[in-house]
Amino acid sequence: MYRTFGWKGEGGVADFEWQAGYSDFSVSQSNLERVKRYIANQERHHLKLSFQDEVRGLLMKHQIECDERYVWD
Protein backbone atom coordinates (compact mmCIF):
# COMPACT_ATOMS: atom_id res chain seq x y z
CA MET A 1 0.00 0.00 0.00
CA TYR A 2 1.36 3.42 -0.94
CA ARG A 3 0.31 6.69 0.64
CA THR A 4 1.21 10.09 -0.68
CA PHE A 5 1.54 12.99 1.69
CA GLY A 6 1.42 16.56 0.56
CA TRP A 7 -2.08 16.69 -0.83
CA LYS A 8 -4.96 17.79 1.31
CA GLY A 9 -7.47 15.07 1.98
CA GLU A 10 -7.24 11.52 3.27
CA GLY A 11 -3.71 10.75 4.40
CA GLY A 12 -2.54 14.25 3.52
CA VAL A 13 -1.15 17.03 5.62
CA ALA A 14 -3.22 20.21 5.93
CA ASP A 15 -1.59 23.42 4.71
CA PHE A 16 1.33 21.55 3.12
CA GLU A 17 2.94 23.07 0.01
CA TRP A 18 5.85 21.99 -2.15
CA GLN A 19 8.58 24.56 -2.55
CA ALA A 20 10.21 25.29 -5.92
CA GLY A 21 12.46 22.26 -5.49
CA TYR A 22 11.87 19.14 -3.47
CA SER A 23 13.06 15.60 -2.88
CA ASP A 24 10.85 12.57 -2.71
CA PHE A 25 11.78 9.52 -0.64
CA SER A 26 9.59 6.53 0.04
CA VAL A 27 9.18 5.10 3.52
CA SER A 28 7.94 1.79 4.82
CA GLN A 29 4.57 1.44 6.52
CA SER A 30 6.39 0.77 9.80
CA ASN A 31 7.88 4.31 9.70
CA LEU A 32 4.68 6.12 8.74
CA GLU A 33 3.97 7.66 12.17
CA ARG A 34 7.59 8.81 12.49
CA VAL A 35 7.36 10.54 9.10
CA LYS A 36 4.09 12.24 10.07
CA ARG A 37 5.75 13.62 13.22
CA TYR A 38 8.73 14.77 11.17
CA ILE A 39 6.49 16.65 8.74
CA ALA A 40 4.56 18.27 11.60
CA ASN A 41 7.84 19.47 13.18
CA GLN A 42 9.81 20.17 10.00
CA GLU A 43 10.07 23.93 10.48
CA ARG A 44 11.59 23.51 13.95
CA HIS A 45 13.82 20.67 12.70
CA HIS A 46 15.29 22.90 9.98
CA LEU A 47 16.38 25.47 12.55
CA LYS A 48 19.06 22.92 13.53
CA LEU A 49 19.80 21.32 10.17
CA SER A 50 19.23 22.98 6.80
CA PHE A 51 17.09 21.34 4.15
CA GLN A 52 20.14 21.11 1.87
CA ASP A 53 22.28 19.41 4.54
CA GLU A 54 19.47 17.00 5.34
CA VAL A 55 19.08 16.01 1.68
CA ARG A 56 22.86 15.62 1.32
CA GLY A 57 22.86 13.31 4.35
CA LEU A 58 20.01 11.21 2.99
CA LEU A 59 21.69 10.87 -0.40
CA MET A 60 24.97 9.83 1.21
CA LYS A 61 23.26 7.41 3.60
CA HIS A 62 21.54 5.66 0.70
CA GLN A 63 24.58 5.88 -1.59
CA ILE A 64 22.79 8.02 -4.17
CA GLU A 65 25.07 10.17 -6.32
CA CYS A 66 23.90 13.54 -7.53
CA ASP A 67 25.32 16.64 -9.13
CA GLU A 68 24.34 19.55 -6.87
CA ARG A 69 24.39 21.93 -9.81
CA TYR A 70 21.04 20.40 -10.76
CA VAL A 71 19.55 20.01 -7.29
CA TRP A 72 19.20 23.47 -5.74
CA ASP A 73 17.43 26.58 -7.01
C-alpha atoms as a PDB file:
ATOM      1  CA  MET A   1       0.000   0.000   0.000  1.00  0.00           C
ATOM      2  CA  TYR A   2       1.364   3.419  -0.945  1.00  0.00           C
ATOM      3  CA  ARG A   3       0.305   6.686   0.636  1.00  0.00           C
ATOM      4  CA  THR A   4       1.212  10.086  -0.684  1.00  0.00           C
ATOM      5  CA  PHE A   5       1.541  12.991   1.694  1.00  0.00           C
ATOM      6  CA  GLY A   6       1.415  16.556   0.562  1.00  0.00           C
ATOM      7  CA  TRP A   7      -2.080  16.686  -0.826  1.00  0.00           C
ATOM      8  CA  LYS A   8      -4.963  17.790   1.311  1.00  0.00           C
ATOM      9  CA  GLY A   9      -7.467  15.066   1.982  1.00  0.00           C
ATOM     10  CA  GLU A  10      -7.241  11.519   3.267  1.00  0.00           C
ATOM     11  CA  GLY A  11      -3.712  10.747   4.399  1.00  0.00           C
ATOM     12  CA  GLY A  12      -2.541  14.250   3.519  1.00  0.00           C
ATOM     13  CA  VAL A  13      -1.147  17.034   5.619  1.00  0.00           C
ATOM     14  CA  ALA A  14      -3.223  20.207   5.927  1.00  0.00           C
ATOM     15  CA  ASP A  15      -1.587  23.425   4.707  1.00  0.00           C
ATOM     16  CA  PHE A  16       1.335  21.554   3.115  1.00  0.00           C
ATOM     17  CA  GLU A  17       2.938  23.073   0.009  1.00  0.00           C
ATOM     18  CA  TRP A  18       5.855  21.995  -2.150  1.00  0.00           C
ATOM     19  CA  GLN A  19       8.584  24.562  -2.547  1.00  0.00           C
ATOM     20  CA  ALA A  20      10.205  25.288  -5.924  1.00  0.00           C
ATOM     21  CA  GLY A  21      12.458  22.261  -5.491  1.00  0.00           C
ATOM     22  CA  TYR A  22      11.874  19.136  -3.469  1.00  0.00           C
ATOM     23  CA  SER A  23      13.056  15.597  -2.884  1.00  0.00           C
ATOM     24  CA  ASP A  24      10.851  12.573  -2.715  1.00  0.00           C
ATOM     25  CA  PHE A  25      11.784   9.524  -0.641  1.00  0.00           C
ATOM     26  CA  SER A  26       9.592   6.526   0.043  1.00  0.00           C
ATOM     27  CA  VAL A  27       9.179   5.096   3.524  1.00  0.00           C
ATOM     28  CA  SER A  28       7.945   1.789   4.817  1.00  0.00           C
ATOM     29  CA  GLN A  29       4.574   1.439   6.523  1.00  0.00           C
ATOM     30  CA  SER A  30       6.389   0.773   9.800  1.00  0.00           C
ATOM     31  CA  ASN A  31       7.879   4.312   9.697  1.00  0.00           C
ATOM     32  CA  LEU A  32       4.679   6.120   8.744  1.00  0.00           C
ATOM     33  CA  GLU A  33       3.965   7.664  12.168  1.00  0.00           C
ATOM     34  CA  ARG A  34       7.585   8.808  12.493  1.00  0.00           C
ATOM     35  CA  VAL A  35       7.364  10.538   9.098  1.00  0.00           C
ATOM     36  CA  LYS A  36       4.094  12.237  10.066  1.00  0.00           C
ATOM     37  CA  ARG A  37       5.749  13.617  13.217  1.00  0.00           C
ATOM     38  CA  TYR A  38       8.734  14.772  11.167  1.00  0.00           C
ATOM     39  CA  ILE A  39       6.491  16.654   8.743  1.00  0.00           C
ATOM     40  CA  ALA A  40       4.557  18.267  11.599  1.00  0.00           C
ATOM     41  CA  ASN A  41       7.837  19.475  13.178  1.00  0.00           C
ATOM     42  CA  GLN A  42       9.809  20.168  10.005  1.00  0.00           C
ATOM     43  CA  GLU A  43      10.070  23.930  10.481  1.00  0.00           C
ATOM     44  CA  ARG A  44      11.590  23.507  13.955  1.00  0.00           C
ATOM     45  CA  HIS A  45      13.822  20.671  12.703  1.00  0.00           C
ATOM     46  CA  HIS A  46      15.294  22.897   9.976  1.00  0.00           C
ATOM     47  CA  LEU A  47      16.379  25.468  12.550  1.00  0.00           C
ATOM     48  CA  LYS A  48      19.064  22.924  13.532  1.00  0.00           C
ATOM     49  CA  LEU A  49      19.800  21.317  10.167  1.00  0.00           C
ATOM     50  CA  SER A  50      19.234  22.981   6.798  1.00  0.00           C
ATOM     51  CA  PHE A  51      17.094  21.338   4.145  1.00  0.00           C
ATOM     52  CA  GLN A  52      20.143  21.106   1.872  1.00  0.00           C
ATOM     53  CA  ASP A  53      22.280  19.411   4.537  1.00  0.00           C
ATOM     54  CA  GLU A  54      19.467  16.998   5.339  1.00  0.00           C
ATOM     55  CA  VAL A  55      19.082  16.011   1.677  1.00  0.00           C
ATOM     56  CA  ARG A  56      22.864  15.622   1.324  1.00  0.00           C
ATOM     57  CA  GLY A  57      22.861  13.314   4.350  1.00  0.00           C
ATOM     58  CA  LEU A  58      20.013  11.206   2.989  1.00  0.00           C
ATOM     59  CA  LEU A  59      21.687  10.873  -0.397  1.00  0.00           C
ATOM     60  CA  MET A  60      24.970   9.833   1.210  1.00  0.00           C
ATOM     61  CA  LYS A  61      23.260   7.407   3.604  1.00  0.00           C
ATOM     62  CA  HIS A  62      21.540   5.657   0.698  1.00  0.00           C
ATOM     63  CA  GLN A  63      24.576   5.877  -1.593  1.00  0.00           C
ATOM     64  CA  ILE A  64      22.794   8.023  -4.173  1.00  0.00           C
ATOM     65  CA  GLU A  65      25.074  10.167  -6.322  1.00  0.00           C
ATOM     66  CA  CYS A  66      23.900  13.544  -7.534  1.00  0.00           C
ATOM     67  CA  ASP A  67      25.324  16.640  -9.133  1.00  0.00           C
ATOM     68  CA  GLU A  68      24.345  19.545  -6.865  1.00  0.00           C
ATOM     69  CA  ARG A  69      24.389  21.933  -9.815  1.00  0.00           C
ATOM     70  CA  TYR A  70      21.035  20.405 -10.760  1.00  0.00           C
ATOM     71  CA  VAL A  71      19.547  20.008  -7.289  1.00  0.00           C
ATOM     72  CA  TRP A  72      19.201  23.472  -5.741  1.00  0.00           C
ATOM     73  CA  ASP A  73      17.433  26.584  -7.010  1.00  0.00           C
END
